[in-house]
């Protein structure tokens, strides 16, 4: 049986990814800071829930240890945990920066390092990072420079790791998202958000899941930044 790890898994895109892998027959290790007492995956037997801040090395170790000890292997790692802080460049605080570094960079680094060590033993594995299309196409009026700076690092390391492990069966890809319809967006902002995409709508969670599953299956694809953004990365329109 294959095993997937999904971070940021308690709701929205992360929860949908967990459900999709469970439907495929995968065992899943799902991480979130705090899963509610009523698990969103109630009834599933081949799932392990790991609480904790993904930016902490101890949480990363608990996730990977759980995957290997309970399910024996790691086939897929989805680095989905994220936080979005949008404001003018000069208004970002030290606290904002530290929060973004912890979730975006440390949250990628520690769990990915440990997962890769296991994937090297297997000589196989797939890592998919979740990022933003703003890295490739910033938008006037949407101040997110520090967010973009750190997410841009994920794009760079995606290509670096794809080359580093190309001959060892490990693939690394990233999904760069536009605005996706999740509860984090207030209804009164939807008209504005639709207009940020050439297709004049925001994305659906299922479309992100489809992209992640494609990259999981696409064994000749590595180092790819796959834009799921309604064409926004193509440029100004």
C-alpha atoms as a PDB file:
ATOM      1  CA  UNK A   1       0.000   0.000   0.000  1.00  0.00           C
ATOM      2  CA  UNK A   2       1.225   3.494  -0.842  1.00  0.00           C
ATOM      3  CA  UNK A   3       1.539   6.201   1.797  1.00  0.00           C
ATOM      4  CA  UNK A   4       1.031   9.967   1.489  1.00  0.00           C
ATOM      5  CA  UNK A   5       1.830  12.760   3.930  1.00  0.00           C
ATOM      6  CA  UNK A   6      -0.289  15.927   3.751  1.00  0.00           C
ATOM      7  CA  UNK A   7       0.499  19.004   5.854  1.00  0.00           C
ATOM      8  CA  UNK A   8      -2.040  21.706   6.622  1.00  0.00           C
ATOM      9  CA  UNK A   9      -4.651  18.984   6.386  1.00  0.00           C
ATOM     10  CA  UNK A  10      -7.472  19.940   8.743  1.00  0.00           C
ATOM     11  CA  UNK A  11      -9.585  21.902   6.258  1.00  0.00           C
ATOM     12  CA  UNK A  12      -9.840  23.334   2.764  1.00  0.00           C
ATOM     13  CA  UNK A  13      -7.342  22.086   0.184  1.00  0.00           C
ATOM     14  CA  UNK A  14      -5.434  19.929   2.674  1.00  0.00           C
ATOM     15  CA  UNK A  15      -8.515  18.048   3.862  1.00  0.00           C
ATOM     16  CA  UNK A  16      -9.614  17.489   0.255  1.00  0.00           C
ATOM     17  CA  UNK A  17      -6.179  16.090  -0.588  1.00  0.00           C
ATOM     18  CA  UNK A  18      -6.364  13.666   2.322  1.00  0.00           C
ATOM     19  CA  UNK A  19      -9.783  12.469   1.199  1.00  0.00           C
ATOM     20  CA  UNK A  20      -8.568  12.043  -2.380  1.00  0.00           C
ATOM     21  CA  UNK A  21      -5.604   9.895  -1.355  1.00  0.00           C
ATOM     22  CA  UNK A  22      -7.770   7.814   0.965  1.00  0.00           C
ATOM     23  CA  UNK A  23     -10.175   7.171  -1.927  1.00  0.00           C
ATOM     24  CA  UNK A  24      -7.206   5.988  -3.963  1.00  0.00           C
ATOM     25  CA  UNK A  25      -6.413   3.411  -1.303  1.00  0.00           C
ATOM     26  CA  UNK A  26      -3.414   5.218   0.153  1.00  0.00           C
ATOM     27  CA  UNK A  27      -2.507   5.267   3.798  1.00  0.00           C
ATOM     28  CA  UNK A  28      -2.273   8.904   4.875  1.00  0.00           C
ATOM     29  CA  UNK A  29      -0.468  10.804   7.602  1.00  0.00           C
ATOM     30  CA  UNK A  30      -2.241  14.147   8.025  1.00  0.00           C
ATOM     31  CA  UNK A  31      -0.777  17.063   9.928  1.00  0.00           C
ATOM     32  CA  UNK A  32      -2.294  20.245  11.303  1.00  0.00           C
ATOM     33  CA  UNK A  33      -1.571  22.494  14.260  1.00  0.00           C
ATOM     34  CA  UNK A  34      -4.743  21.327  15.996  1.00  0.00           C
ATOM     35  CA  UNK A  35      -7.174  18.803  14.604  1.00  0.00           C
ATOM     36  CA  UNK A  36     -10.625  19.274  16.096  1.00  0.00           C
ATOM     37  CA  UNK A  37     -11.852  16.613  18.481  1.00  0.00           C
ATOM     38  CA  UNK A  38     -14.240  15.467  15.778  1.00  0.00           C
ATOM     39  CA  UNK A  39     -11.895  14.335  13.035  1.00  0.00           C
ATOM     40  CA  UNK A  40     -12.870  15.390   9.502  1.00  0.00           C
ATOM     41  CA  UNK A  41     -11.756  11.906   8.429  1.00  0.00           C
ATOM     42  CA  UNK A  42     -13.856   9.924  10.876  1.00  0.00           C
ATOM     43  CA  UNK A  43     -14.243   6.288   9.924  1.00  0.00           C
ATOM     44  CA  UNK A  44     -11.020   5.994   7.945  1.00  0.00           C
ATOM     45  CA  UNK A  45      -8.781   3.222   9.258  1.00  0.00           C
ATOM     46  CA  UNK A  46      -5.662   3.859   7.206  1.00  0.00           C
ATOM     47  CA  UNK A  47      -4.991   7.366   8.477  1.00  0.00           C
ATOM     48  CA  UNK A  48      -2.842   8.833  11.240  1.00  0.00           C
ATOM     49  CA  UNK A  49      -3.365  12.379  12.527  1.00  0.00           C
ATOM     50  CA  UNK A  50      -0.338  14.265  13.855  1.00  0.00           C
ATOM     51  CA  UNK A  51      -0.850  17.572  15.653  1.00  0.00           C
ATOM     52  CA  UNK A  52       1.865  20.197  15.726  1.00  0.00           C
ATOM     53  CA  UNK A  53       3.479  23.239  14.139  1.00  0.00           C
ATOM     54  CA  UNK A  54       5.050  22.091  10.871  1.00  0.00           C
ATOM     55  CA  UNK A  55       7.753  24.732  11.310  1.00  0.00           C
ATOM     56  CA  UNK A  56       9.153  22.793  14.276  1.00  0.00           C
ATOM     57  CA  UNK A  57      11.673  19.976  13.650  1.00  0.00           C
ATOM     58  CA  UNK A  58       9.982  17.835  16.309  1.00  0.00           C
ATOM     59  CA  UNK A  59       6.676  17.949  14.431  1.00  0.00           C
ATOM     60  CA  UNK A  60       8.364  16.981  11.174  1.00  0.00           C
ATOM     61  CA  UNK A  61      10.065  14.067  12.913  1.00  0.00           C
ATOM     62  CA  UNK A  62       6.775  12.903  14.435  1.00  0.00           C
ATOM     63  CA  UNK A  63       5.075  12.971  11.026  1.00  0.00           C
ATOM     64  CA  UNK A  64       7.772  10.982   9.246  1.00  0.00           C
ATOM     65  CA  UNK A  65       8.288   8.566  12.130  1.00  0.00           C
ATOM     66  CA  UNK A  66       4.543   7.890  12.170  1.00  0.00           C
ATOM     67  CA  UNK A  67       4.458   7.237   8.431  1.00  0.00           C
ATOM     68  CA  UNK A  68       7.367   4.798   8.524  1.00  0.00           C
ATOM     69  CA  UNK A  69       6.513   3.012  11.766  1.00  0.00           C
ATOM     70  CA  UNK A  70       2.808   2.613  11.028  1.00  0.00           C
ATOM     71  CA  UNK A  71       2.707   2.276   7.240  1.00  0.00           C
ATOM     72  CA  UNK A  72       6.263   1.309   6.315  1.00  0.00           C
ATOM     73  CA  UNK A  73       7.042   3.843   3.597  1.00  0.00           C
ATOM     74  CA  UNK A  74       6.512   7.353   2.180  1.00  0.00           C
ATOM     75  CA  UNK A  75       5.486   7.611  -1.448  1.00  0.00           C
ATOM     76  CA  UNK A  76       4.070  11.144  -1.575  1.00  0.00           C
ATOM     77  CA  UNK A  77       4.680  14.296   0.455  1.00  0.00           C
ATOM     78  CA  UNK A  78       2.334  17.229  -0.127  1.00  0.00           C
ATOM     79  CA  UNK A  79       3.737  20.388   1.470  1.00  0.00           C
ATOM     80  CA  UNK A  80       0.401  22.167   1.689  1.00  0.00           C
ATOM     81  CA  UNK A  81       0.649  24.039   5.012  1.00  0.00           C
ATOM     82  CA  UNK A  82       0.698  27.759   4.439  1.00  0.00           C
ATOM     83  CA  UNK A  83      -0.267  31.189   5.675  1.00  0.00           C
ATOM     84  CA  UNK A  84      -0.993  34.284   3.588  1.00  0.00           C
ATOM     85  CA  UNK A  85      -0.045  37.751   4.837  1.00  0.00           C
ATOM     86  CA  UNK A  86      -0.770  40.533   2.364  1.00  0.00           C
ATOM     87  CA  UNK A  87       0.214  44.130   3.090  1.00  0.00           C
ATOM     88  CA  UNK A  88       2.424  46.898   1.684  1.00  0.00           C
ATOM     89  CA  UNK A  89       6.117  45.995   1.758  1.00  0.00           C
ATOM     90  CA  UNK A  90       7.062  48.628   4.344  1.00  0.00           C
ATOM     91  CA  UNK A  91       4.333  47.447   6.734  1.00  0.00           C
ATOM     92  CA  UNK A  92       5.554  43.862   7.166  1.00  0.00           C
ATOM     93  CA  UNK A  93       6.634  43.364  10.760  1.00  0.00           C
ATOM     94  CA  UNK A  94       9.290  41.113  12.253  1.00  0.00           C
ATOM     95  CA  UNK A  95       6.460  38.943  13.562  1.00  0.00           C
ATOM     96  CA  UNK A  96       4.975  38.669  10.052  1.00  0.00           C
ATOM     97  CA  UNK A  97       8.348  37.695   8.639  1.00  0.00           C
ATOM     98  CA  UNK A  98       9.018  35.091  11.308  1.00  0.00           C
ATOM     99  CA  UNK A  99       5.561  33.576  10.818  1.00  0.00           C
ATOM    100  CA  UNK A 100       6.074  33.317   7.074  1.00  0.00           C
ATOM    101  CA  UNK A 101       9.576  31.870   7.397  1.00  0.00           C
ATOM    102  CA  UNK A 102       8.413  29.293   9.937  1.00  0.00           C
ATOM    103  CA  UNK A 103       5.474  28.005   7.911  1.00  0.00           C
ATOM    104  CA  UNK A 104       6.749  28.478   4.360  1.00  0.00           C
ATOM    105  CA  UNK A 105      10.445  27.644   4.636  1.00  0.00           C
ATOM    106  CA  UNK A 106      10.971  25.696   7.871  1.00  0.00           C
ATOM    107  CA  UNK A 107       7.642  23.984   7.209  1.00  0.00           C
ATOM    108  CA  UNK A 108       9.018  22.764   3.910  1.00  0.00           C
ATOM    109  CA  UNK A 109      12.594  22.053   4.966  1.00  0.00           C
ATOM    110  CA  UNK A 110      12.382  19.756   7.984  1.00  0.00           C
ATOM    111  CA  UNK A 111       9.661  17.394   6.820  1.00  0.00           C
ATOM    112  CA  UNK A 112      11.067  17.268   3.280  1.00  0.00           C
ATOM    113  CA  UNK A 113      14.566  16.397   4.488  1.00  0.00           C
ATOM    114  CA  UNK A 114      13.274  13.504   6.573  1.00  0.00           C
ATOM    115  CA  UNK A 115      10.902  12.307   3.865  1.00  0.00           C
ATOM    116  CA  UNK A 116      13.692  12.335   1.272  1.00  0.00           C
ATOM    117  CA  UNK A 117      15.865  10.169   3.537  1.00  0.00           C
ATOM    118  CA  UNK A 118      13.119   7.549   3.511  1.00  0.00           C
ATOM    119  CA  UNK A 119      12.497   7.963  -0.222  1.00  0.00           C
ATOM    120  CA  UNK A 120      16.197   7.367  -0.860  1.00  0.00           C
ATOM    121  CA  UNK A 121      15.932   4.029   0.928  1.00  0.00           C
ATOM    122  CA  UNK A 122      13.024   3.160  -1.363  1.00  0.00           C
ATOM    123  CA  UNK A 123      14.605   4.787  -4.449  1.00  0.00           C
ATOM    124  CA  UNK A 124      11.215   6.319  -5.183  1.00  0.00           C
ATOM    125  CA  UNK A 125       8.968   9.150  -4.069  1.00  0.00           C
ATOM    126  CA  UNK A 126       7.154  12.333  -5.085  1.00  0.00           C
ATOM    127  CA  UNK A 127       7.117  15.716  -3.372  1.00  0.00           C
ATOM    128  CA  UNK A 128       4.541  18.359  -4.315  1.00  0.00           C
ATOM    129  CA  UNK A 129       4.748  21.858  -2.859  1.00  0.00           C
ATOM    130  CA  UNK A 130       1.853  24.318  -2.820  1.00  0.00           C
ATOM    131  CA  UNK A 131       2.755  27.892  -3.754  1.00  0.00           C
ATOM    132  CA  UNK A 132       1.236  30.977  -5.360  1.00  0.00           C
ATOM    133  CA  UNK A 133       1.133  32.238  -8.933  1.00  0.00           C
ATOM    134  CA  UNK A 134       2.088  35.678  -7.575  1.00  0.00           C
ATOM    135  CA  UNK A 135       5.712  34.501  -7.649  1.00  0.00           C
ATOM    136  CA  UNK A 136       5.607  34.613 -11.444  1.00  0.00           C
ATOM    137  CA  UNK A 137       3.014  37.345 -11.928  1.00  0.00           C
ATOM    138  CA  UNK A 138       2.659  39.929  -9.142  1.00  0.00           C
ATOM    139  CA  UNK A 139      -0.525  41.974  -9.284  1.00  0.00           C
ATOM    140  CA  UNK A 140      -0.711  45.749  -8.937  1.00  0.00           C
ATOM    141  CA  UNK A 141      -2.662  46.624  -5.825  1.00  0.00           C
ATOM    142  CA  UNK A 142      -2.049  43.270  -4.149  1.00  0.00           C
ATOM    143  CA  UNK A 143       0.866  43.902  -1.799  1.00  0.00           C
ATOM    144  CA  UNK A 144       2.510  40.603  -1.000  1.00  0.00           C
ATOM    145  CA  UNK A 145       6.223  41.119  -1.606  1.00  0.00           C
ATOM    146  CA  UNK A 146       7.544  39.273   1.441  1.00  0.00           C
ATOM    147  CA  UNK A 147       5.088  36.439   0.870  1.00  0.00           C
ATOM    148  CA  UNK A 148       6.279  36.246  -2.748  1.00  0.00           C
ATOM    149  CA  UNK A 149       9.936  36.355  -1.693  1.00  0.00           C
ATOM    150  CA  UNK A 150       9.550  33.269   0.470  1.00  0.00           C
ATOM    151  CA  UNK A 151       7.273  31.326  -1.871  1.00  0.00           C
ATOM    152  CA  UNK A 152       9.762  32.075  -4.635  1.00  0.00           C
ATOM    153  CA  UNK A 153      12.305  30.090  -2.636  1.00  0.00           C
ATOM    154  CA  UNK A 154      10.053  27.032  -2.983  1.00  0.00           C
ATOM    155  CA  UNK A 155      10.081  27.423  -6.770  1.00  0.00           C
ATOM    156  CA  UNK A 156      13.876  27.592  -6.763  1.00  0.00           C
ATOM    157  CA  UNK A 157      14.359  24.588  -4.482  1.00  0.00           C
ATOM    158  CA  UNK A 158      11.867  22.581  -6.540  1.00  0.00           C
ATOM    159  CA  UNK A 159      14.181  22.781  -9.533  1.00  0.00           C
ATOM    160  CA  UNK A 160      17.305  22.224  -7.441  1.00  0.00           C
ATOM    161  CA  UNK A 161      15.972  19.064  -5.803  1.00  0.00           C
ATOM    162  CA  UNK A 162      14.545  17.754  -9.063  1.00  0.00           C
ATOM    163  CA  UNK A 163      18.093  17.775 -10.416  1.00  0.00           C
ATOM    164  CA  UNK A 164      19.732  16.543  -7.210  1.00  0.00           C
ATOM    165  CA  UNK A 165      17.574  13.420  -6.997  1.00  0.00           C
ATOM    166  CA  UNK A 166      16.757  12.840 -10.666  1.00  0.00           C
ATOM    167  CA  UNK A 167      18.623   9.532 -10.818  1.00  0.00           C
ATOM    168  CA  UNK A 168      17.310   8.235  -7.500  1.00  0.00           C
ATOM    169  CA  UNK A 169      13.644   7.948  -8.279  1.00  0.00           C
ATOM    170  CA  UNK A 170      12.529  11.083  -6.416  1.00  0.00           C
ATOM    171  CA  UNK A 171      10.511  13.747  -8.209  1.00  0.00           C
ATOM    172  CA  UNK A 172       9.839  17.281  -6.911  1.00  0.00           C
ATOM    173  CA  UNK A 173       7.181  19.603  -8.311  1.00  0.00           C
ATOM    174  CA  UNK A 174       5.204  22.667  -7.225  1.00  0.00           C
ATOM    175  CA  UNK A 175       1.638  23.829  -7.808  1.00  0.00           C
ATOM    176  CA  UNK A 176       1.365  27.628  -8.117  1.00  0.00           C
ATOM    177  CA  UNK A 177      -2.177  28.614  -7.229  1.00  0.00           C
ATOM    178  CA  UNK A 178      -4.400  31.500  -8.071  1.00  0.00           C
ATOM    179  CA  UNK A 179      -7.251  32.333  -5.715  1.00  0.00           C
ATOM    180  CA  UNK A 180      -9.107  29.176  -4.693  1.00  0.00           C
ATOM    181  CA  UNK A 181     -12.651  29.082  -3.304  1.00  0.00           C
ATOM    182  CA  UNK A 182     -12.118  28.242   0.361  1.00  0.00           C
ATOM    183  CA  UNK A 183     -13.732  29.625   3.533  1.00  0.00           C
ATOM    184  CA  UNK A 184     -10.795  31.999   4.042  1.00  0.00           C
ATOM    185  CA  UNK A 185     -12.271  34.369   1.436  1.00  0.00           C
ATOM    186  CA  UNK A 186     -15.154  36.609   2.499  1.00  0.00           C
ATOM    187  CA  UNK A 187     -18.184  36.578   0.148  1.00  0.00           C
ATOM    188  CA  UNK A 188     -17.970  40.342  -0.408  1.00  0.00           C
ATOM    189  CA  UNK A 189     -14.464  39.961  -1.895  1.00  0.00           C
ATOM    190  CA  UNK A 190     -15.333  37.338  -4.509  1.00  0.00           C
ATOM    191  CA  UNK A 191     -16.115  39.745  -7.343  1.00  0.00           C
ATOM    192  CA  UNK A 192     -12.740  41.428  -6.913  1.00  0.00           C
ATOM    193  CA  UNK A 193     -10.944  38.097  -6.663  1.00  0.00           C
ATOM    194  CA  UNK A 194     -12.593  36.748  -9.821  1.00  0.00           C
ATOM    195  CA  UNK A 195     -11.170  39.678 -11.730  1.00  0.00           C
ATOM    196  CA  UNK A 196      -7.619  38.644 -10.865  1.00  0.00           C
ATOM    197  CA  UNK A 197      -7.878  35.725 -13.309  1.00  0.00           C
ATOM    198  CA  UNK A 198      -8.272  35.907 -17.097  1.00  0.00           C
ATOM    199  CA  UNK A 199     -10.998  33.232 -16.958  1.00  0.00           C
ATOM    200  CA  UNK A 200     -12.998  35.583 -14.684  1.00  0.00           C
ATOM    201  CA  UNK A 201     -13.577  33.143 -11.863  1.00  0.00           C
ATOM    202  CA  UNK A 202     -11.712  31.757  -8.895  1.00  0.00           C
ATOM    203  CA  UNK A 203     -10.525  28.174  -8.713  1.00  0.00           C
ATOM    204  CA  UNK A 204     -12.188  25.211  -7.059  1.00  0.00           C
ATOM    205  CA  UNK A 205     -10.537  22.977  -4.469  1.00  0.00           C
ATOM    206  CA  UNK A 206     -11.133  19.974  -6.732  1.00  0.00           C
ATOM    207  CA  UNK A 207      -8.985  21.602  -9.417  1.00  0.00           C
ATOM    208  CA  UNK A 208      -6.063  21.817  -6.997  1.00  0.00           C
ATOM    209  CA  UNK A 209      -6.562  18.186  -5.985  1.00  0.00           C
ATOM    210  CA  UNK A 210      -6.628  17.145  -9.640  1.00  0.00           C
ATOM    211  CA  UNK A 211      -3.299  18.914 -10.206  1.00  0.00           C
ATOM    212  CA  UNK A 212      -1.687  17.237  -7.195  1.00  0.00           C
ATOM    213  CA  UNK A 213      -2.900  13.809  -8.318  1.00  0.00           C
ATOM    214  CA  UNK A 214      -1.611  14.474 -11.831  1.00  0.00           C
ATOM    215  CA  UNK A 215       1.855  15.290 -10.486  1.00  0.00           C
ATOM    216  CA  UNK A 216       1.712  12.188  -8.304  1.00  0.00           C
ATOM    217  CA  UNK A 217       1.075  10.043 -11.377  1.00  0.00           C
ATOM    218  CA  UNK A 218       3.253  11.917 -13.891  1.00  0.00           C
ATOM    219  CA  UNK A 219       6.430   9.882 -13.554  1.00  0.00           C
ATOM    220  CA  UNK A 220       8.273  11.786 -16.325  1.00  0.00           C
ATOM    221  CA  UNK A 221       7.548  15.186 -14.744  1.00  0.00           C
ATOM    222  CA  UNK A 222       9.955  16.753 -12.246  1.00  0.00           C
ATOM    223  CA  UNK A 223      11.104  20.287 -11.516  1.00  0.00           C
ATOM    224  CA  UNK A 224       7.773  21.586 -12.802  1.00  0.00           C
ATOM    225  CA  UNK A 225       5.942  24.691 -11.572  1.00  0.00           C
ATOM    226  CA  UNK A 226       2.364  23.831 -12.525  1.00  0.00           C
ATOM    227  CA  UNK A 227       0.126  26.901 -12.535  1.00  0.00           C
ATOM    228  CA  UNK A 228      -3.447  26.339 -11.412  1.00  0.00           C
ATOM    229  CA  UNK A 229      -4.510  29.955 -11.693  1.00  0.00           C
ATOM    230  CA  UNK A 230      -6.952  30.503 -14.539  1.00  0.00           C
ATOM    231  CA  UNK A 231      -4.151  31.794 -16.766  1.00  0.00           C
ATOM    232  CA  UNK A 232      -3.006  34.572 -14.442  1.00  0.00           C
ATOM    233  CA  UNK A 233       0.692  33.674 -14.766  1.00  0.00           C
ATOM    234  CA  UNK A 234       0.591  34.275 -18.517  1.00  0.00           C
ATOM    235  CA  UNK A 235       0.855  38.025 -17.954  1.00  0.00           C
ATOM    236  CA  UNK A 236      -1.162  41.199 -17.866  1.00  0.00           C
ATOM    237  CA  UNK A 237      -4.448  41.078 -19.775  1.00  0.00           C
END
